[in-house]
Amino acid sequence: MSTTSTPSLDQHATPVLQAIGLTKHYGQVIALEECDFELYPGEILAVIGDNGAGKSTLIKALAGAVIPDRGQILMNGKPVHFRNPLDARQAGIETVYQNLAVAPSLTIMENLFLGRETIQSGFLGQLLRLVDRQSMLKDSENYMQSLKFRIQSIRQPVRTLSGGQRQGVAVARSAAFAKNVVIMDEPTAALGVKESGMVLELIRKIRDRGLPVILISHNMPQVWEISDRIHVQRLGKRAAIINPQEYSMSDGVAIMTGAKEV
């Protein structure tokens, strides 16, 4: 258990990301029904729910991968309309998926800047789109050092890293470019205990740097260890928001399955 202090949350503050009355139907299947959601500055908010509860659809709507039938999404109090994931990325929302979306043959630096390479300044650099590797190398080293990410060299290929380190690179890449929110979908699903601990510690450091994090996970011990609040999803809507210091894991599962109400 980490000794990292939990930040005090100001729930009178404007949510960084908010959903009001999100509804999404697939024919007769109700994925979301008048679902609400709030993510506040400086918190790790876990999202839990049984299979079919609608948590994946909720997160995809917030990340721009699903367009809701009804409802509203707001960022810092202002309505936004995401037509696709690129719209969400341009609004400062980055998503980390569980399938280790890294390029093993590329270096750590190249993975961090993959698809967003720094172009050299000057007329020729801009005209020929020449990559500024020295700038990228310096920025990568400074950033990974600030996260206390334990690696031998920023130049080493990702294939030489452990599973936890690879997922750490994916997490760090998203956090490096996120301006408002990082969404993490089962980031420790394929990892062992030690490697999971490494990724969880990295998530804390990202939160402590000021970026709020949405964590989707089936791993209840990890949820209770790391989250500041827990959004419980059930039957397409929010069943409850609970504080992990006030409710036990068994309470959370009972709320998730409908055996207990808050």
Protein backbone atom coordinates (compact mmCIF):
# COMPACT_ATOMS: atom_id res chain seq x y z
CA MET A 1 0.00 0.00 0.00
CA SER A 2 1.42 3.34 -1.01
CA THR A 3 1.93 6.08 1.52
CA THR A 4 1.16 8.72 -1.12
CA SER A 5 -1.30 11.17 0.40
CA THR A 6 -4.73 11.49 -1.15
CA PRO A 7 -5.35 15.00 -2.45
CA SER A 8 -8.23 16.91 -0.92
CA LEU A 9 -10.99 17.13 -3.53
CA ASP A 10 -13.03 20.27 -3.96
CA GLN A 11 -16.36 18.93 -5.18
CA HIS A 12 -17.66 22.49 -5.40
CA ALA A 13 -15.15 23.01 -8.21
CA THR A 14 -16.22 22.75 -11.82
CA PRO A 15 -15.71 19.16 -13.04
CA VAL A 16 -12.92 18.75 -15.55
CA LEU A 17 -15.11 16.27 -17.44
CA GLN A 18 -18.84 15.82 -16.94
CA ALA A 19 -21.68 13.88 -18.54
CA ILE A 20 -25.35 14.69 -18.01
CA GLY A 21 -28.09 12.25 -18.98
CA LEU A 22 -26.08 10.24 -21.50
CA THR A 23 -28.26 7.72 -23.34
CA LYS A 24 -27.19 5.15 -25.94
CA HIS A 25 -29.36 2.37 -27.37
CA TYR A 26 -28.34 -0.34 -29.81
CA GLY A 27 -31.69 -1.44 -31.15
CA GLN A 28 -33.48 -2.96 -28.17
CA VAL A 29 -30.29 -3.08 -26.11
CA ILE A 30 -29.94 -0.22 -23.61
CA ALA A 31 -26.24 0.49 -23.10
CA LEU A 32 -26.70 3.84 -21.31
CA GLU A 33 -29.88 5.34 -19.87
CA GLU A 34 -29.75 8.88 -18.42
CA CYS A 35 -26.22 8.30 -17.12
CA ASP A 36 -24.40 11.03 -15.19
CA PHE A 37 -20.67 11.34 -14.55
CA GLU A 38 -18.25 13.84 -12.98
CA LEU A 39 -14.46 13.89 -12.86
CA TYR A 40 -12.95 16.56 -10.60
CA PRO A 41 -9.51 18.19 -10.73
CA GLY A 42 -6.68 16.23 -9.14
CA GLU A 43 -8.37 12.87 -8.57
CA ILE A 44 -8.18 9.25 -9.61
CA LEU A 45 -11.76 8.19 -10.29
CA ALA A 46 -12.32 4.46 -10.69
CA VAL A 47 -15.23 3.16 -12.77
CA ILE A 48 -16.51 -0.29 -11.82
CA GLY A 49 -19.48 -2.33 -12.92
CA ASP A 50 -20.61 -5.82 -13.81
CA ASN A 51 -20.50 -7.04 -17.41
CA GLY A 52 -23.22 -5.24 -19.38
CA ALA A 53 -23.44 -2.37 -16.89
CA GLY A 54 -22.55 0.17 -19.58
CA LYS A 55 -19.17 1.28 -18.28
CA SER A 56 -17.41 0.59 -21.60
CA THR A 57 -20.04 2.57 -23.53
CA LEU A 58 -19.77 5.43 -21.02
CA ILE A 59 -16.00 5.59 -21.36
CA LYS A 60 -16.15 5.34 -25.15
CA ALA A 61 -18.60 8.25 -25.21
CA LEU A 62 -16.23 10.33 -23.06
CA ALA A 63 -13.31 9.35 -25.34
CA GLY A 64 -15.17 10.15 -28.57
CA ALA A 65 -15.44 6.55 -29.80
CA VAL A 66 -19.25 6.44 -29.33
CA ILE A 67 -21.74 9.20 -30.11
CA PRO A 68 -24.59 9.15 -27.54
CA ASP A 69 -28.21 9.34 -28.68
CA ARG A 70 -29.00 11.95 -26.03
CA GLY A 71 -27.30 13.82 -23.24
CA GLN A 72 -24.47 16.27 -22.90
CA ILE A 73 -20.72 16.16 -22.29
CA LEU A 74 -18.96 19.14 -20.76
CA MET A 75 -15.28 19.98 -20.31
CA ASN A 76 -14.51 22.54 -17.64
CA GLY A 77 -18.18 23.52 -17.68
CA LYS A 78 -18.44 24.04 -21.45
CA PRO A 79 -20.41 21.72 -23.77
CA VAL A 80 -18.33 19.66 -26.21
CA HIS A 81 -19.36 17.41 -29.08
CA PHE A 82 -16.98 14.57 -29.93
CA ARG A 83 -17.54 13.07 -33.37
CA ASN A 84 -14.55 10.72 -33.08
CA PRO A 85 -11.56 9.96 -30.82
CA LEU A 86 -9.46 12.60 -32.58
CA ASP A 87 -11.89 15.29 -31.39
CA ALA A 88 -11.44 14.05 -27.81
CA ARG A 89 -7.64 14.02 -28.18
CA GLN A 90 -7.69 17.57 -29.50
CA ALA A 91 -9.72 18.51 -26.42
CA GLY A 92 -6.94 17.11 -24.21
CA ILE A 93 -8.30 13.62 -23.44
CA GLU A 94 -5.87 10.72 -23.87
CA THR A 95 -6.77 7.04 -23.51
CA VAL A 96 -4.56 4.08 -22.56
CA TYR A 97 -5.89 0.66 -23.56
CA GLN A 98 -5.03 -2.71 -22.05
CA ASN A 99 -3.55 -4.20 -25.24
CA LEU A 100 -0.11 -2.61 -24.78
CA ALA A 101 -0.37 -0.23 -27.74
CA VAL A 102 3.37 0.22 -28.22
CA ALA A 103 5.72 -0.52 -31.11
CA PRO A 104 8.23 -3.09 -29.76
CA SER A 105 10.90 -2.46 -32.39
CA LEU A 106 11.01 1.29 -31.75
CA THR A 107 12.87 2.95 -28.89
CA ILE A 108 11.20 4.38 -25.79
CA MET A 109 11.71 7.88 -27.17
CA GLU A 110 10.18 6.95 -30.54
CA ASN A 111 7.18 5.38 -28.81
CA LEU A 112 6.63 8.45 -26.65
CA PHE A 113 6.46 10.68 -29.73
CA LEU A 114 4.85 8.13 -32.08
CA GLY A 115 2.58 10.02 -34.49
CA ARG A 116 3.45 13.34 -32.81
CA GLU A 117 7.10 13.79 -33.71
CA THR A 118 8.72 17.18 -33.16
CA ILE A 119 9.59 18.88 -36.45
CA GLN A 120 12.76 20.94 -36.81
CA SER A 121 12.35 24.69 -36.80
CA GLY A 122 13.38 26.76 -39.75
CA PHE A 123 12.26 26.87 -43.36
CA LEU A 124 13.82 23.58 -44.52
CA GLY A 125 12.75 21.70 -41.41
CA GLN A 126 9.16 22.78 -41.83
CA LEU A 127 9.18 22.31 -45.60
CA LEU A 128 10.70 18.81 -45.55
CA ARG A 129 9.10 17.82 -42.23
CA LEU A 130 12.45 16.88 -40.73
CA VAL A 131 12.19 15.21 -37.32
CA ASP A 132 14.08 16.94 -34.50
CA ARG A 133 15.48 13.87 -32.75
CA GLN A 134 17.72 15.84 -30.38
CA SER A 135 14.78 17.85 -29.05
CA MET A 136 12.68 14.69 -28.70
CA LEU A 137 15.53 12.89 -26.92
CA LYS A 138 15.99 15.71 -24.41
CA ASP A 139 12.26 16.08 -23.75
CA SER A 140 11.85 12.30 -23.34
CA GLU A 141 14.71 12.04 -20.84
CA ASN A 142 13.45 14.97 -18.78
CA TYR A 143 9.90 13.67 -18.77
CA MET A 144 10.73 10.08 -17.80
CA GLN A 145 13.10 11.32 -15.10
CA SER A 146 10.34 13.53 -13.69
CA LEU A 147 8.14 10.42 -13.40
CA LYS A 148 11.07 8.47 -11.84
CA PHE A 149 10.55 5.83 -14.53
CA ARG A 150 13.26 3.18 -14.05
CA ILE A 151 14.92 2.37 -17.39
CA GLN A 152 18.47 1.91 -18.61
CA SER A 153 18.25 4.27 -21.57
CA ILE A 154 15.60 6.25 -23.41
CA ARG A 155 17.19 4.82 -26.58
CA GLN A 156 16.54 1.17 -25.78
CA PRO A 157 13.93 -0.71 -27.87
CA VAL A 158 10.62 -1.31 -26.12
CA ARG A 159 10.95 -5.06 -26.84
CA THR A 160 13.75 -5.15 -24.22
CA LEU A 161 11.36 -3.98 -21.48
CA SER A 162 9.24 -6.01 -19.11
CA GLY A 163 5.45 -6.08 -19.51
CA GLY A 164 5.03 -3.54 -16.72
CA GLN A 165 7.62 -1.22 -18.24
CA ARG A 166 5.95 -1.47 -21.66
CA GLN A 167 2.60 -0.54 -20.20
CA GLY A 168 4.37 2.22 -18.30
CA VAL A 169 5.61 3.65 -21.61
CA ALA A 170 2.03 3.63 -22.97
CA VAL A 171 0.78 5.35 -19.80
CA ALA A 172 3.59 7.92 -19.87
CA ARG A 173 3.00 8.67 -23.56
CA SER A 174 -0.67 9.46 -22.98
CA ALA A 175 0.05 11.55 -19.90
CA ALA A 176 2.73 13.51 -21.76
CA PHE A 177 0.24 14.77 -24.33
CA ALA A 178 -2.94 14.94 -22.24
CA LYS A 179 -4.00 18.46 -21.34
CA ASN A 180 -7.08 17.65 -19.29
CA VAL A 181 -7.80 13.94 -18.68
CA VAL A 182 -6.13 10.53 -18.91
CA ILE A 183 -8.44 7.51 -19.31
CA MET A 184 -6.95 4.11 -18.46
CA ASP A 185 -8.80 0.97 -19.53
CA GLU A 186 -7.63 -2.04 -17.48
CA PRO A 187 -3.97 -0.90 -17.56
CA THR A 188 -2.77 -3.78 -15.35
CA ALA A 189 -4.93 -6.59 -16.78
CA ALA A 190 -2.04 -8.56 -18.32
CA LEU A 191 0.53 -7.86 -15.59
CA GLY A 192 1.84 -9.63 -12.52
CA VAL A 193 1.75 -8.22 -8.99
CA LYS A 194 5.14 -6.45 -9.11
CA GLU A 195 4.58 -4.99 -12.58
CA SER A 196 1.05 -3.90 -11.65
CA GLY A 197 2.47 -2.06 -8.66
CA MET A 198 4.88 -0.25 -10.98
CA VAL A 199 2.03 0.95 -13.22
CA LEU A 200 -0.15 1.97 -10.25
CA GLU A 201 2.68 4.05 -8.85
CA LEU A 202 3.09 5.74 -12.22
CA ILE A 203 -0.65 6.53 -12.24
CA ARG A 204 -0.27 8.18 -8.81
CA LYS A 205 2.61 10.30 -10.08
CA ILE A 206 0.52 11.44 -13.04
CA ARG A 207 -2.31 12.40 -10.67
CA ASP A 208 0.15 14.21 -8.42
CA ARG A 209 1.38 16.21 -11.44
CA GLY A 210 -2.17 17.61 -11.73
CA LEU A 211 -3.83 15.38 -14.34
CA PRO A 212 -7.08 13.71 -13.23
CA VAL A 213 -7.30 10.03 -14.15
CA ILE A 214 -10.25 7.79 -14.99
CA LEU A 215 -9.41 4.17 -14.18
CA ILE A 216 -11.59 1.34 -15.51
CA SER A 217 -10.78 -1.91 -13.71
CA HIS A 218 -12.15 -5.27 -12.61
CA ASN A 219 -9.36 -5.58 -10.04
CA MET A 220 -11.12 -4.54 -6.84
CA PRO A 221 -8.05 -4.55 -4.54
CA GLN A 222 -6.27 -2.20 -6.94
CA VAL A 223 -9.34 0.03 -7.21
CA TRP A 224 -9.55 0.36 -3.43
CA GLU A 225 -5.80 0.92 -3.16
CA ILE A 226 -5.43 3.73 -5.68
CA SER A 227 -8.72 5.55 -6.26
CA ASP A 228 -9.94 8.72 -4.57
CA ARG A 229 -13.58 8.06 -5.53
CA ILE A 230 -15.40 5.19 -7.20
CA HIS A 231 -18.17 5.52 -9.80
CA VAL A 232 -20.36 2.39 -9.66
CA GLN A 233 -22.15 1.67 -12.94
CA ARG A 234 -25.23 -0.58 -13.01
CA LEU A 235 -27.87 -1.25 -15.69
CA GLY A 236 -26.75 1.61 -17.91
CA LYS A 237 -26.60 4.35 -15.30
CA ARG A 238 -24.67 5.49 -12.27
CA ALA A 239 -25.74 3.52 -9.23
CA ALA A 240 -23.54 5.38 -6.74
CA ILE A 241 -20.38 7.35 -6.08
CA ILE A 242 -18.53 5.92 -3.09
CA ASN A 243 -15.44 6.79 -1.09
CA PRO A 244 -13.11 3.76 -0.79
CA GLN A 245 -12.19 4.87 2.74
CA GLU A 246 -15.83 4.66 3.83
CA TYR A 247 -17.04 1.59 1.91
CA SER A 248 -15.43 -1.84 1.78
CA MET A 249 -14.80 -3.90 -1.34
CA SER A 250 -17.69 -6.16 -0.42
CA ASP A 251 -19.93 -3.09 -0.14
CA GLY A 252 -18.82 -2.00 -3.60
CA VAL A 253 -19.55 -5.39 -5.13
CA ALA A 254 -22.95 -5.47 -3.43
CA ILE A 255 -23.83 -2.04 -4.85
CA MET A 256 -22.52 -3.13 -8.25
CA THR A 257 -24.77 -6.20 -8.29
CA GLY A 258 -27.83 -4.51 -6.82
CA ALA A 259 -27.68 -6.29 -3.46
CA LYS A 260 -27.12 -3.01 -1.63
CA GLU A 261 -28.15 0.59 -2.18
CA VAL A 262 -26.46 3.81 -1.09
